[in-house]
C-alpha atoms as a PDB file:
ATOM      1  CA  MET A   1     103.367  74.906 116.112  1.00  0.00           C
ATOM      2  CA  THR A   2     102.026  77.963 117.923  1.00  0.00           C
ATOM      3  CA  GLY A   3     104.234  80.956 117.367  1.00  0.00           C
ATOM      4  CA  ARG A   4     105.329  83.479 119.939  1.00  0.00           C
ATOM      5  CA  LEU A   5     104.095  87.052 119.848  1.00  0.00           C
ATOM      6  CA  TRP A   6     106.853  89.532 120.607  1.00  0.00           C
ATOM      7  CA  GLY A   7     106.076  93.162 121.352  1.00  0.00           C
ATOM      8  CA  VAL A   8     108.836  95.754 120.917  1.00  0.00           C
ATOM      9  CA  VAL A   9     107.455  98.926 122.488  1.00  0.00           C
ATOM     10  CA  GLY A  10     108.568 102.257 123.896  1.00  0.00           C
ATOM     11  CA  ALA A  11     108.810 105.932 123.095  1.00  0.00           C
ATOM     12  CA  THR A  12     109.437 107.305 119.646  1.00  0.00           C
ATOM     13  CA  GLY A  13     113.102 107.589 118.730  1.00  0.00           C
ATOM     14  CA  THR A  14     114.366 104.850 121.054  1.00  0.00           C
ATOM     15  CA  GLY A  15     115.444 102.435 118.330  1.00  0.00           C
ATOM     16  CA  LYS A  16     112.520 100.001 118.262  1.00  0.00           C
ATOM     17  CA  SER A  17     112.707  99.392 114.518  1.00  0.00           C
ATOM     18  CA  ASP A  18     116.396  98.518 114.584  1.00  0.00           C
ATOM     19  CA  LEU A  19     115.946  96.167 117.536  1.00  0.00           C
ATOM     20  CA  SER A  20     113.003  94.455 115.838  1.00  0.00           C
ATOM     21  CA  LEU A  21     115.157  93.748 112.783  1.00  0.00           C
ATOM     22  CA  ARG A  22     117.978  92.337 114.875  1.00  0.00           C
ATOM     23  CA  LEU A  23     115.556  90.247 116.914  1.00  0.00           C
ATOM     24  CA  ALA A  24     113.962  88.844 113.759  1.00  0.00           C
ATOM     25  CA  GLU A  25     117.389  87.918 112.410  1.00  0.00           C
ATOM     26  CA  ALA A  26     118.402  86.293 115.701  1.00  0.00           C
ATOM     27  CA  LEU A  27     115.194  84.254 115.835  1.00  0.00           C
ATOM     28  CA  THR A  28     115.542  83.185 112.202  1.00  0.00           C
ATOM     29  CA  ALA A  29     119.141  82.090 112.801  1.00  0.00           C
ATOM     30  CA  ARG A  30     117.795  79.769 115.498  1.00  0.00           C
ATOM     31  CA  GLY A  31     115.295  78.152 113.189  1.00  0.00           C
ATOM     32  CA  ARG A  32     112.355  80.300 114.294  1.00  0.00           C
ATOM     33  CA  PRO A  33     111.495  82.599 111.373  1.00  0.00           C
ATOM     34  CA  ALA A  34     109.945  85.909 112.359  1.00  0.00           C
ATOM     35  CA  GLU A  35     107.868  88.569 110.634  1.00  0.00           C
ATOM     36  CA  ILE A  36     107.270  92.162 111.722  1.00  0.00           C
ATOM     37  CA  VAL A  37     103.858  93.793 112.241  1.00  0.00           C
ATOM     38  CA  ASN A  38     103.470  97.557 112.486  1.00  0.00           C
ATOM     39  CA  ALA A  39     101.861  99.101 115.579  1.00  0.00           C
ATOM     40  CA  ASP A  40     102.536 102.754 114.755  1.00  0.00           C
ATOM     41  CA  ALA A  41      99.287 104.461 113.756  1.00  0.00           C
ATOM     42  CA  MET A  42     100.927 106.952 111.400  1.00  0.00           C
ATOM     43  CA  GLN A  43     103.027 104.342 109.607  1.00  0.00           C
ATOM     44  CA  LEU A  44      99.780 102.821 108.371  1.00  0.00           C
ATOM     45  CA  TYR A  45      99.607 105.680 105.864  1.00  0.00           C
ATOM     46  CA  ARG A  46     101.039 105.490 102.365  1.00  0.00           C
ATOM     47  CA  GLY A  47     103.468 108.286 101.669  1.00  0.00           C
ATOM     48  CA  MET A  48     103.968 109.336 105.279  1.00  0.00           C
ATOM     49  CA  ASP A  49     107.562 108.144 105.384  1.00  0.00           C
ATOM     50  CA  ILE A  50     110.017 110.856 106.408  1.00  0.00           C
ATOM     51  CA  GLY A  51     107.865 112.285 109.195  1.00  0.00           C
ATOM     52  CA  THR A  52     107.221 108.853 110.714  1.00  0.00           C
ATOM     53  CA  ALA A  53     110.781 107.503 110.338  1.00  0.00           C
ATOM     54  CA  LYS A  54     109.350 104.566 108.419  1.00  0.00           C
ATOM     55  CA  LEU A  55     111.890 101.989 107.255  1.00  0.00           C
ATOM     56  CA  SER A  56     112.152 101.787 103.489  1.00  0.00           C
ATOM     57  CA  VAL A  57     111.732  98.404 101.823  1.00  0.00           C
ATOM     58  CA  ALA A  58     115.491  98.319 101.253  1.00  0.00           C
ATOM     59  CA  GLU A  59     116.120  98.833 104.974  1.00  0.00           C
ATOM     60  CA  ARG A  60     113.922  95.889 105.993  1.00  0.00           C
ATOM     61  CA  ARG A  61     116.691  93.341 105.331  1.00  0.00           C
ATOM     62  CA  GLY A  62     114.370  90.978 103.491  1.00  0.00           C
ATOM     63  CA  ILE A  63     112.229  90.425 106.602  1.00  0.00           C
ATOM     64  CA  PRO A  64     108.480  90.382 105.871  1.00  0.00           C
ATOM     65  CA  HIS A  65     106.763  93.532 107.174  1.00  0.00           C
ATOM     66  CA  HIS A  66     103.005  93.897 107.559  1.00  0.00           C
ATOM     67  CA  LEU A  67     100.466  96.738 108.011  1.00  0.00           C
ATOM     68  CA  PHE A  68     102.679  99.452 106.602  1.00  0.00           C
ATOM     69  CA  ASP A  69     101.237 101.689 103.851  1.00  0.00           C
ATOM     70  CA  VAL A  70      97.701 100.281 104.065  1.00  0.00           C
ATOM     71  CA  LEU A  71      95.737 103.546 104.361  1.00  0.00           C
ATOM     72  CA  GLU A  72      95.383 106.627 102.199  1.00  0.00           C
ATOM     73  CA  VAL A  73      95.914 109.962 103.954  1.00  0.00           C
ATOM     74  CA  THR A  74      92.209 110.690 103.495  1.00  0.00           C
ATOM     75  CA  ASP A  75      91.268 107.575 105.483  1.00  0.00           C
ATOM     76  CA  GLU A  76      90.514 107.831 109.189  1.00  0.00           C
ATOM     77  CA  ALA A  77      92.582 105.491 111.335  1.00  0.00           C
ATOM     78  CA  ALA A  78      90.440 103.414 113.698  1.00  0.00           C
ATOM     79  CA  VAL A  79      92.003 101.269 116.389  1.00  0.00           C
ATOM     80  CA  ALA A  80      89.154  98.747 116.352  1.00  0.00           C
ATOM     81  CA  ALA A  81      89.713  98.107 112.642  1.00  0.00           C
ATOM     82  CA  TYR A  82      93.448  97.930 113.249  1.00  0.00           C
ATOM     83  CA  GLN A  83      92.969  95.355 116.013  1.00  0.00           C
ATOM     84  CA  GLU A  84      91.085  93.043 113.667  1.00  0.00           C
ATOM     85  CA  ALA A  85      93.613  93.476 110.859  1.00  0.00           C
ATOM     86  CA  ALA A  86      96.639  92.991 113.106  1.00  0.00           C
ATOM     87  CA  ARG A  87      95.292  89.888 114.822  1.00  0.00           C
ATOM     88  CA  THR A  88      94.414  88.390 111.436  1.00  0.00           C
ATOM     89  CA  VAL A  89      97.935  89.032 110.134  1.00  0.00           C
ATOM     90  CA  ILE A  90      99.527  87.636 113.294  1.00  0.00           C
ATOM     91  CA  SER A  91      97.385  84.505 113.157  1.00  0.00           C
ATOM     92  CA  GLU A  92      98.489  83.996 109.545  1.00  0.00           C
ATOM     93  CA  ILE A  93     102.133  84.383 110.594  1.00  0.00           C
ATOM     94  CA  PHE A  94     101.663  81.727 113.270  1.00  0.00           C
ATOM     95  CA  HIS A  95     100.019  79.455 110.692  1.00  0.00           C
ATOM     96  CA  ARG A  96     103.200  79.748 108.614  1.00  0.00           C
ATOM     97  CA  GLY A  97     105.195  78.495 111.589  1.00  0.00           C
ATOM     98  CA  ALA A  98     106.806  81.858 112.363  1.00  0.00           C
ATOM     99  CA  ASP A  99     106.952  84.251 115.306  1.00  0.00           C
ATOM    100  CA  ALA A 100     105.319  87.690 115.017  1.00  0.00           C
ATOM    101  CA  ILE A 101     107.102  90.833 116.225  1.00  0.00           C
ATOM    102  CA  LEU A 102     104.666  93.688 116.920  1.00  0.00           C
ATOM    103  CA  VAL A 103     106.597  96.965 116.770  1.00  0.00           C
ATOM    104  CA  GLY A 104     105.458 100.468 117.596  1.00  0.00           C
ATOM    105  CA  GLY A 105     104.796 103.173 120.100  1.00  0.00           C
ATOM    106  CA  SER A 106     101.065 103.796 119.649  1.00  0.00           C
ATOM    107  CA  GLY A 107      99.983 102.564 123.063  1.00  0.00           C
ATOM    108  CA  LEU A 108      96.312 102.032 122.316  1.00  0.00           C
ATOM    109  CA  TYR A 109      97.169 100.108 119.144  1.00  0.00           C
ATOM    110  CA  VAL A 110      99.675  97.872 120.915  1.00  0.00           C
ATOM    111  CA  SER A 111      97.273  97.212 123.791  1.00  0.00           C
ATOM    112  CA  SER A 112      94.419  96.393 121.427  1.00  0.00           C
ATOM    113  CA  VAL A 113      96.443  93.506 120.006  1.00  0.00           C
ATOM    114  CA  VAL A 114      98.400  92.251 122.993  1.00  0.00           C
ATOM    115  CA  TYR A 115      95.598  92.202 125.557  1.00  0.00           C
ATOM    116  CA  ASP A 116      91.959  91.131 125.718  1.00  0.00           C
ATOM    117  CA  PHE A 117      91.002  94.639 124.753  1.00  0.00           C
ATOM    118  CA  ARG A 118      87.352  95.275 123.919  1.00  0.00           C
ATOM    119  CA  PHE A 119      85.944  98.446 122.474  1.00  0.00           C
ATOM    120  CA  PRO A 120      82.751 100.145 123.648  1.00  0.00           C
ATOM    121  CA  PRO A 121      80.054 100.432 120.956  1.00  0.00           C
ATOM    122  CA  HIS A 122      79.605 103.370 118.603  1.00  0.00           C
ATOM    123  CA  ASP A 123      76.443 105.459 118.541  1.00  0.00           C
ATOM    124  CA  ASP A 124      76.364 107.347 115.250  1.00  0.00           C
ATOM    125  CA  ILE A 125      73.514 109.685 116.250  1.00  0.00           C
ATOM    126  CA  LEU A 126      75.182 110.596 119.542  1.00  0.00           C
ATOM    127  CA  ARG A 127      78.527 111.031 117.781  1.00  0.00           C
ATOM    128  CA  ALA A 128      76.977 113.449 115.285  1.00  0.00           C
ATOM    129  CA  GLN A 129      75.468 115.482 118.126  1.00  0.00           C
ATOM    130  CA  LEU A 130      78.781 115.665 119.950  1.00  0.00           C
ATOM    131  CA  GLU A 131      80.653 116.669 116.812  1.00  0.00           C
ATOM    132  CA  ALA A 132      78.104 119.435 116.218  1.00  0.00           C
ATOM    133  CA  ASP A 133      78.683 120.636 119.796  1.00  0.00           C
ATOM    134  CA  LEU A 134      82.432 120.516 119.154  1.00  0.00           C
ATOM    135  CA  GLU A 135      82.012 122.643 116.035  1.00  0.00           C
ATOM    136  CA  LYS A 136      80.013 125.240 117.960  1.00  0.00           C
ATOM    137  CA  GLY A 137      81.887 125.421 121.244  1.00  0.00           C
ATOM    138  CA  GLY A 138      85.253 123.736 120.838  1.00  0.00           C
ATOM    139  CA  PRO A 139      86.647 120.901 122.968  1.00  0.00           C
ATOM    140  CA  GLY A 140      86.548 122.735 126.320  1.00  0.00           C
ATOM    141  CA  PRO A 141      82.849 122.311 127.137  1.00  0.00           C
ATOM    142  CA  LEU A 142      82.939 118.693 125.969  1.00  0.00           C
ATOM    143  CA  LEU A 143      85.870 117.974 128.242  1.00  0.00           C
ATOM    144  CA  GLU A 144      83.973 119.437 131.189  1.00  0.00           C
ATOM    145  CA  ARG A 145      80.989 117.217 130.379  1.00  0.00           C
ATOM    146  CA  LEU A 146      83.332 114.257 130.262  1.00  0.00           C
ATOM    147  CA  ARG A 147      84.840 115.256 133.597  1.00  0.00           C
ATOM    148  CA  ALA A 148      81.399 115.200 135.197  1.00  0.00           C
ATOM    149  CA  LEU A 149      80.672 111.709 133.851  1.00  0.00           C
ATOM    150  CA  ASP A 150      84.107 110.084 133.966  1.00  0.00           C
ATOM    151  CA  PRO A 151      86.693 112.210 135.818  1.00  0.00           C
ATOM    152  CA  ALA A 152      89.409 109.552 135.632  1.00  0.00           C
ATOM    153  CA  THR A 153      89.298 109.461 131.832  1.00  0.00           C
ATOM    154  CA  ALA A 154      89.056 113.257 131.636  1.00  0.00           C
ATOM    155  CA  ASP A 155      92.238 113.583 133.698  1.00  0.00           C
ATOM    156  CA  ARG A 156      94.168 111.267 131.367  1.00  0.00           C
ATOM    157  CA  ILE A 157      93.003 112.614 128.038  1.00  0.00           C
ATOM    158  CA  ASP A 158      94.885 115.236 126.021  1.00  0.00           C
ATOM    159  CA  ALA A 159      92.759 118.383 126.321  1.00  0.00           C
ATOM    160  CA  ARG A 160      93.692 119.354 122.746  1.00  0.00           C
ATOM    161  CA  ASN A 161      92.719 116.031 121.198  1.00  0.00           C
ATOM    162  CA  ALA A 162      89.160 116.819 120.155  1.00  0.00           C
ATOM    163  CA  ARG A 163      88.610 113.453 118.460  1.00  0.00           C
ATOM    164  CA  ARG A 164      89.586 111.552 121.579  1.00  0.00           C
ATOM    165  CA  ILE A 165      87.404 113.757 123.772  1.00  0.00           C
ATOM    166  CA  VAL A 166      84.380 113.181 121.527  1.00  0.00           C
ATOM    167  CA  ARG A 167      84.922 109.416 121.553  1.00  0.00           C
ATOM    168  CA  ALA A 168      85.425 109.290 125.331  1.00  0.00           C
ATOM    169  CA  LEU A 169      82.278 111.339 125.895  1.00  0.00           C
ATOM    170  CA  GLU A 170      80.351 109.102 123.495  1.00  0.00           C
ATOM    171  CA  VAL A 171      81.372 106.129 125.640  1.00  0.00           C
ATOM    172  CA  ALA A 172      80.639 107.897 128.917  1.00  0.00           C
ATOM    173  CA  VAL A 173      77.178 109.088 127.878  1.00  0.00           C
ATOM    174  CA  GLN A 174      76.254 105.522 126.961  1.00  0.00           C
ATOM    175  CA  GLY A 175      77.156 104.482 130.478  1.00  0.00           C
ATOM    176  CA  ASP A 176      79.863 102.159 129.230  1.00  0.00           C
ATOM    177  CA  ARG A 177      83.294 101.759 130.668  1.00  0.00           C
ATOM    178  CA  GLY A 178      85.781 104.584 130.148  1.00  0.00           C
ATOM    179  CA  TYR A 179      89.084 104.203 128.369  1.00  0.00           C
ATOM    180  CA  GLY A 180      90.963 103.258 131.508  1.00  0.00           C
ATOM    181  CA  ALA A 181      88.601 100.369 132.149  1.00  0.00           C
ATOM    182  CA  VAL A 182      89.298  98.678 128.819  1.00  0.00           C
ATOM    183  CA  LEU A 183      92.884  98.098 129.973  1.00  0.00           C
ATOM    184  CA  PRO A 184      92.414  96.700 133.498  1.00  0.00           C
ATOM    185  CA  ALA A 185      95.068  96.649 136.187  1.00  0.00           C
ATOM    186  CA  ASP A 186      95.695  92.959 135.489  1.00  0.00           C
ATOM    187  CA  PRO A 187      95.116  92.639 131.729  1.00  0.00           C
ATOM    188  CA  VAL A 188      94.730  89.220 130.141  1.00  0.00           C
ATOM    189  CA  LEU A 189      96.963  88.374 127.186  1.00  0.00           C
ATOM    190  CA  TRP A 190      95.250  87.775 123.858  1.00  0.00           C
ATOM    191  CA  HIS A 191      97.884  85.199 122.875  1.00  0.00           C
ATOM    192  CA  VAL A 192     100.094  82.932 124.943  1.00  0.00           C
ATOM    193  CA  PRO A 193     103.048  82.911 124.636  1.00  0.00           C
ATOM    194  CA  THR A 194     103.745  86.663 124.448  1.00  0.00           C
ATOM    195  CA  THR A 195     107.002  88.435 125.309  1.00  0.00           C
ATOM    196  CA  LEU A 196     107.046  92.225 125.704  1.00  0.00           C
ATOM    197  CA  ILE A 197     110.283  94.168 125.334  1.00  0.00           C
ATOM    198  CA  GLY A 198     110.409  97.853 126.193  1.00  0.00           C
ATOM    199  CA  VAL A 199     113.179  99.965 124.693  1.00  0.00           C
ATOM    200  CA  GLU A 200     114.268 102.814 126.939  1.00  0.00           C
ATOM    201  CA  VAL A 201     116.733 105.678 126.685  1.00  0.00           C
ATOM    202  CA  GLU A 202     117.766 108.064 129.464  1.00  0.00           C
ATOM    203  CA  ARG A 203     115.514 111.133 129.265  1.00  0.00           C
ATOM    204  CA  ALA A 204     118.158 113.778 128.479  1.00  0.00           C
ATOM    205  CA  THR A 205     119.636 111.603 125.757  1.00  0.00           C
ATOM    206  CA  LEU A 206     116.221 110.929 124.285  1.00  0.00           C
ATOM    207  CA  VAL A 207     115.297 114.628 124.222  1.00  0.00           C
ATOM    208  CA  ALA A 208     118.459 115.475 122.315  1.00  0.00           C
ATOM    209  CA  ARG A 209     117.866 112.581 119.946  1.00  0.00           C
ATOM    210  CA  LEU A 210     114.271 113.604 119.279  1.00  0.00           C
ATOM    211  CA  ASP A 211     115.152 117.253 118.648  1.00  0.00           C
ATOM    212  CA  GLU A 212     117.836 116.241 116.160  1.00  0.00           C
ATOM    213  CA  ARG A 213     115.468 113.770 114.537  1.00  0.00           C
ATOM    214  CA  VAL A 214     112.957 116.538 113.821  1.00  0.00           C
ATOM    215  CA  THR A 215     115.531 118.847 112.254  1.00  0.00           C
ATOM    216  CA  ARG A 216     116.859 115.923 110.196  1.00  0.00           C
ATOM    217  CA  MET A 217     113.376 115.193 108.874  1.00  0.00           C
ATOM    218  CA  TRP A 218     113.100 118.758 107.636  1.00  0.00           C
ATOM    219  CA  ARG A 219     116.556 118.538 106.040  1.00  0.00           C
ATOM    220  CA  GLU A 220     115.668 115.248 104.367  1.00  0.00           C
ATOM    221  CA  GLY A 221     112.577 116.626 102.658  1.00  0.00           C
ATOM    222  CA  LEU A 222     109.555 116.586 104.938  1.00  0.00           C
ATOM    223  CA  LEU A 223     108.146 119.667 103.202  1.00  0.00           C
ATOM    224  CA  THR A 224     108.476 118.003  99.811  1.00  0.00           C
ATOM    225  CA  GLU A 225     106.739 114.922 101.183  1.00  0.00           C
ATOM    226  CA  VAL A 226     103.919 117.045 102.615  1.00  0.00           C
ATOM    227  CA  ALA A 227     103.488 118.900  99.325  1.00  0.00           C
ATOM    228  CA  ALA A 228     102.994 115.587  97.535  1.00  0.00           C
ATOM    229  CA  LEU A 229     100.557 114.402 100.212  1.00  0.00           C
ATOM    230  CA  ARG A 230      98.539 117.613  99.896  1.00  0.00           C
ATOM    231  CA  ASP A 231      97.885 116.677  96.290  1.00  0.00           C
ATOM    232  CA  ARG A 232      96.489 113.370  97.577  1.00  0.00           C
ATOM    233  CA  GLY A 233      94.166 115.046 100.090  1.00  0.00           C
ATOM    234  CA  LEU A 234      96.259 115.284 103.266  1.00  0.00           C
ATOM    235  CA  GLU A 235      94.478 118.397 104.472  1.00  0.00           C
ATOM    236  CA  GLN A 236      91.133 116.568 104.326  1.00  0.00           C
ATOM    237  CA  GLY A 237      92.450 113.594 106.304  1.00  0.00           C
ATOM    238  CA  VAL A 238      90.888 113.573 109.768  1.00  0.00           C
ATOM    239  CA  THR A 239      93.759 111.590 111.312  1.00  0.00           C
ATOM    240  CA  ALA A 240      96.745 112.056 109.020  1.00  0.00           C
ATOM    241  CA  SER A 241      96.549 115.856 108.844  1.00  0.00           C
ATOM    242  CA  ARG A 242      96.922 116.075 112.632  1.00  0.00           C
ATOM    243  CA  ALA A 243     100.022 113.914 112.865  1.00  0.00           C
ATOM    244  CA  ILE A 244     102.919 115.551 114.694  1.00  0.00           C
ATOM    245  CA  GLY A 245     105.237 117.128 112.160  1.00  0.00           C
ATOM    246  CA  TYR A 246     102.741 116.956 109.317  1.00  0.00           C
ATOM    247  CA  ALA A 247     100.340 119.421 110.946  1.00  0.00           C
ATOM    248  CA  GLN A 248     103.212 121.838 111.524  1.00  0.00           C
ATOM    249  CA  ALA A 249     104.534 121.407 107.985  1.00  0.00           C
ATOM    250  CA  LEU A 250     101.051 122.121 106.635  1.00  0.00           C
ATOM    251  CA  ALA A 251     100.881 125.249 108.801  1.00  0.00           C
ATOM    252  CA  HIS A 252     104.236 126.356 107.407  1.00  0.00           C
ATOM    253  CA  VAL A 253     103.100 125.792 103.820  1.00  0.00           C
ATOM    254  CA  ALA A 254      99.970 127.818 104.590  1.00  0.00           C
ATOM    255  CA  GLY A 255     102.083 130.677 105.934  1.00  0.00           C
ATOM    256  CA  GLU A 256     100.831 130.262 109.496  1.00  0.00           C
ATOM    257  CA  LEU A 257     104.257 129.291 110.926  1.00  0.00           C
ATOM    258  CA  ASP A 258     107.736 130.078 109.755  1.00  0.00           C
ATOM    259  CA  ALA A 259     110.206 127.208 109.472  1.00  0.00           C
ATOM    260  CA  SER A 260     111.836 127.738 112.866  1.00  0.00           C
ATOM    261  CA  GLU A 261     108.443 127.953 114.595  1.00  0.00           C
ATOM    262  CA  ALA A 262     107.215 124.799 112.862  1.00  0.00           C
ATOM    263  CA  ILE A 263     110.345 122.884 113.829  1.00  0.00           C
ATOM    264  CA  ALA A 264     110.267 124.088 117.435  1.00  0.00           C
ATOM    265  CA  GLN A 265     106.579 123.232 117.778  1.00  0.00           C
ATOM    266  CA  THR A 266     107.163 119.778 116.312  1.00  0.00           C
ATOM    267  CA  GLN A 267     110.050 119.191 118.713  1.00  0.00           C
ATOM    268  CA  ALA A 268     107.982 120.230 121.731  1.00  0.00           C
ATOM    269  CA  LEU A 269     105.038 118.053 120.720  1.00  0.00           C
ATOM    270  CA  THR A 270     107.315 115.103 120.005  1.00  0.00           C
ATOM    271  CA  ARG A 271     108.901 115.362 123.449  1.00  0.00           C
ATOM    272  CA  ARG A 272     105.462 115.542 125.067  1.00  0.00           C
ATOM    273  CA  TYR A 273     104.271 112.551 123.057  1.00  0.00           C
ATOM    274  CA  ALA A 274     107.326 110.548 124.102  1.00  0.00           C
ATOM    275  CA  ARG A 275     106.523 111.218 127.766  1.00  0.00           C
ATOM    276  CA  ARG A 276     102.976 109.960 127.264  1.00  0.00           C
ATOM    277  CA  GLN A 277     104.275 106.840 125.529  1.00  0.00           C
ATOM    278  CA  VAL A 278     106.611 106.042 128.406  1.00  0.00           C
ATOM    279  CA  SER A 279     103.781 106.522 130.910  1.00  0.00           C
ATOM    280  CA  TRP A 280     101.510 104.243 128.901  1.00  0.00           C
ATOM    281  CA  PHE A 281     103.959 101.376 128.578  1.00  0.00           C
ATOM    282  CA  ARG A 282     105.122 101.664 132.188  1.00  0.00           C
ATOM    283  CA  ARG A 283     101.644 100.469 133.121  1.00  0.00           C
ATOM    284  CA  TYR A 284     102.475  97.104 131.594  1.00  0.00           C
ATOM    285  CA  ALA A 285     103.649  94.898 134.434  1.00  0.00           C
ATOM    286  CA  ASP A 286     105.224  92.269 132.205  1.00  0.00           C
ATOM    287  CA  VAL A 287     107.585  94.346 130.050  1.00  0.00           C
ATOM    288  CA  ARG A 288     111.308  93.594 130.024  1.00  0.00           C
ATOM    289  CA  TRP A 289     113.026  96.982 129.686  1.00  0.00           C
ATOM    290  CA  VAL A 290     116.269  97.065 127.703  1.00  0.00           C
ATOM    291  CA  ALA A 291     118.706  99.511 126.127  1.00  0.00           C
ATOM    292  CA  PRO A 292     118.493 100.031 122.343  1.00  0.00           C
ATOM    293  CA  ASP A 293     121.819  98.232 121.801  1.00  0.00           C
ATOM    294  CA  VAL A 294     120.826  95.125 123.763  1.00  0.00           C
ATOM    295  CA  ASP A 295     122.105  91.881 122.279  1.00  0.00           C
ATOM    296  CA  ALA A 296     119.153  90.530 120.280  1.00  0.00           C
ATOM    297  CA  VAL A 297     120.623  87.040 120.427  1.00  0.00           C
ATOM    298  CA  VAL A 298     120.321  87.118 124.217  1.00  0.00           C
ATOM    299  CA  LEU A 299     116.681  88.185 123.889  1.00  0.00           C
ATOM    300  CA  ALA A 300     115.955  85.438 121.391  1.00  0.00           C
ATOM    301  CA  ASP A 301     117.556  82.858 123.697  1.00  0.00           C
ATOM    302  CA  SER A 302     115.760  84.161 126.807  1.00  0.00           C
ATOM    303  CA  VAL A 303     112.585  82.182 126.100  1.00  0.00           C
ATOM    304  CA  ALA A 304     112.150  78.488 125.563  1.00  0.00           C
END
């Protein structure tokens, strides 16, 4: 039997993890066992728990979870590698006669699995040249070069995300399609059947929830977690060290930010990230948007 791929997507802090658990339980109660697959880039990392709101093993209610804690903080996360790993795991879940529930808010990661999403090639020599230019002049000049070659991608990209700018420019210089082109207006599903569920919360409510979530993470020991991760090489991690919350905690430990500044900066960046997530997933034409407390039984019964 071919399983169904479910995608539970949306902004950070909207309750995706809780809904995925309830959906898995509802499906299992109807004789369709389900397993959960992570699509949050930072939850791939071992030890990055408090700052990513990762469910503990005890909180997973006995439901199989996949692609959590598979990278060390010194590893660089790569969406192309993730795509291969996630699709392999999902295919194995289907082979066991179960449904797969892909859960997360990392838009590029979700898209890479759900849609026929192909990555432009890497050019190691060109990448090295661009990274040398970045080291000398910062991201600004590279962004302007990107704007001249691919203005649409330049307009969408975060001007402070140097890694993303380098990769986009690497693609543009090769004459390949920009990032927007790899997710076309009418994307083709990788697997049929697929059901996408977007979890949404009214903006003012979400902002308050996110701000409280950040302060709670600090209360619950984010600094202690970061101290332990420093011993494992967090500061050398190209991806992990830049994660929202972790970068600010590292700056606090280094004496560059006081606690209130680090918390406020994390809150502001989290709110901005949530807006980008909503914009990304709103581009999906086939998402069913629901409230966090939606009846998972109704969702499970909504498809044949």
